[in-house]
Every structure is written in C-alpha cells, then in structure tokens.
Amino acid sequence: MKAMLKSEIADAAGVSLRTLNRWLHHPYMMEQLKAIGESDNRKKLSPKAVKLICDHYAIEIN
C-alpha cells in the first residue's frame, strides 16, 4: 500500500468523497484510525490507514 488521497480511495470504491467521509466517521472506523495516529480531517492518508480502510470495506486498489 501507498499513501493516498481520500478522493483516490473513494474513486477506487466507486463512491463519492462525501460517502467515503461518512464511512470514515463511523465510530468503529474513527476508533481504528485514531489508534494508528490518523486525524479525521486529513486529505492524504498513510499507508496503514489505506490498508485498514481497504480491508474493512473490501476496496481493491490497482
């Protein structure tokens, strides 16, 4: 995995950025992201955060 913009993840998932942000503001996901040191208002996410999100929501990154 590599660091990615939230918009790139949303495109890979086939959803809008607004929908992805709603997914990320779910209490479980916010807890997981905070545990790895991610802020909820960042535009670019670390490789760990990208992997976590992709694994949880079954998103394939090419």
C-alpha atoms as a PDB file:
ATOM      1  CA  MET A   1       0.000   0.000   0.000  1.00  0.00           C
ATOM      2  CA  LYS A   2       0.978   3.589  -0.507  1.00  0.00           C
ATOM      3  CA  ALA A   3      -0.277   6.858   0.947  1.00  0.00           C
ATOM      4  CA  MET A   4      -3.379   8.028  -0.903  1.00  0.00           C
ATOM      5  CA  LEU A   5      -5.805  10.904  -1.038  1.00  0.00           C
ATOM      6  CA  LYS A   6      -9.293  10.239   0.267  1.00  0.00           C
ATOM      7  CA  SER A   7     -10.633  11.103  -3.192  1.00  0.00           C
ATOM      8  CA  GLU A   8      -8.470   8.362  -4.738  1.00  0.00           C
ATOM      9  CA  ILE A   9      -9.849   5.814  -2.285  1.00  0.00           C
ATOM     10  CA  ALA A  10     -13.399   6.978  -3.000  1.00  0.00           C
ATOM     11  CA  ASP A  11     -12.803   6.577  -6.751  1.00  0.00           C
ATOM     12  CA  ALA A  12     -11.470   3.052  -6.224  1.00  0.00           C
ATOM     13  CA  ALA A  13     -14.539   2.197  -4.139  1.00  0.00           C
ATOM     14  CA  GLY A  14     -16.883   3.698  -6.722  1.00  0.00           C
ATOM     15  CA  VAL A  15     -18.437   6.142  -4.264  1.00  0.00           C
ATOM     16  CA  SER A  16     -18.378   9.889  -3.785  1.00  0.00           C
ATOM     17  CA  LEU A  17     -15.932  11.576  -1.433  1.00  0.00           C
ATOM     18  CA  ARG A  18     -18.884  12.556   0.751  1.00  0.00           C
ATOM     19  CA  THR A  19     -19.900   8.899   1.120  1.00  0.00           C
ATOM     20  CA  LEU A  20     -16.352   7.847   1.963  1.00  0.00           C
ATOM     21  CA  ASN A  21     -16.173  10.564   4.616  1.00  0.00           C
ATOM     22  CA  ARG A  22     -19.419   9.253   6.120  1.00  0.00           C
ATOM     23  CA  TRP A  23     -17.926   5.767   6.246  1.00  0.00           C
ATOM     24  CA  LEU A  24     -14.808   7.122   7.948  1.00  0.00           C
ATOM     25  CA  HIS A  25     -16.865   8.963  10.566  1.00  0.00           C
ATOM     26  CA  HIS A  26     -18.482   5.746  11.765  1.00  0.00           C
ATOM     27  CA  PRO A  27     -17.494   5.315  15.454  1.00  0.00           C
ATOM     28  CA  TYR A  28     -15.709   1.991  14.857  1.00  0.00           C
ATOM     29  CA  MET A  29     -13.661   3.343  11.963  1.00  0.00           C
ATOM     30  CA  MET A  30     -12.807   6.557  13.813  1.00  0.00           C
ATOM     31  CA  GLU A  31     -11.553   4.483  16.748  1.00  0.00           C
ATOM     32  CA  GLN A  32      -9.394   2.335  14.454  1.00  0.00           C
ATOM     33  CA  LEU A  33      -7.928   5.350  12.629  1.00  0.00           C
ATOM     34  CA  LYS A  34      -7.142   7.162  15.890  1.00  0.00           C
ATOM     35  CA  ALA A  35      -5.404   4.018  17.167  1.00  0.00           C
ATOM     36  CA  ILE A  36      -2.904   4.256  14.291  1.00  0.00           C
ATOM     37  CA  GLY A  37      -2.492   8.014  14.719  1.00  0.00           C
ATOM     38  CA  GLU A  38      -4.645   9.336  11.872  1.00  0.00           C
ATOM     39  CA  SER A  39      -6.532  12.597  12.152  1.00  0.00           C
ATOM     40  CA  ASP A  40     -10.089  12.623  10.784  1.00  0.00           C
ATOM     41  CA  ASN A  41      -9.588  15.812   8.771  1.00  0.00           C
ATOM     42  CA  ARG A  42      -6.537  14.796   6.697  1.00  0.00           C
ATOM     43  CA  LYS A  43      -6.849  14.672   2.923  1.00  0.00           C
ATOM     44  CA  LYS A  44      -3.947  12.274   2.452  1.00  0.00           C
ATOM     45  CA  LEU A  45      -3.949   9.052   4.442  1.00  0.00           C
ATOM     46  CA  SER A  46      -0.957   6.978   5.493  1.00  0.00           C
ATOM     47  CA  PRO A  47      -0.350   3.517   4.008  1.00  0.00           C
ATOM     48  CA  LYS A  48      -1.554   1.917   7.273  1.00  0.00           C
ATOM     49  CA  ALA A  49      -4.823   3.848   7.118  1.00  0.00           C
ATOM     50  CA  VAL A  50      -5.327   2.981   3.441  1.00  0.00           C
ATOM     51  CA  LYS A  51      -4.816  -0.711   4.191  1.00  0.00           C
ATOM     52  CA  LEU A  52      -7.219  -0.576   7.133  1.00  0.00           C
ATOM     53  CA  ILE A  53      -9.940   1.132   5.087  1.00  0.00           C
ATOM     54  CA  CYS A  54      -9.487  -1.117   2.065  1.00  0.00           C
ATOM     55  CA  ASP A  55      -9.575  -4.277   4.186  1.00  0.00           C
ATOM     56  CA  HIS A  56     -12.628  -3.165   6.145  1.00  0.00           C
ATOM     57  CA  TYR A  57     -14.677  -2.030   3.143  1.00  0.00           C
ATOM     58  CA  ALA A  58     -13.297  -4.611   0.645  1.00  0.00           C
ATOM     59  CA  ILE A  59     -11.874  -1.975  -1.695  1.00  0.00           C
ATOM     60  CA  GLU A  60      -9.365  -3.118  -4.301  1.00  0.00           C
ATOM     61  CA  ILE A  61      -6.604  -0.656  -5.150  1.00  0.00           C
ATOM     62  CA  ASN A  62      -4.911  -1.237  -8.506  1.00  0.00           C
END
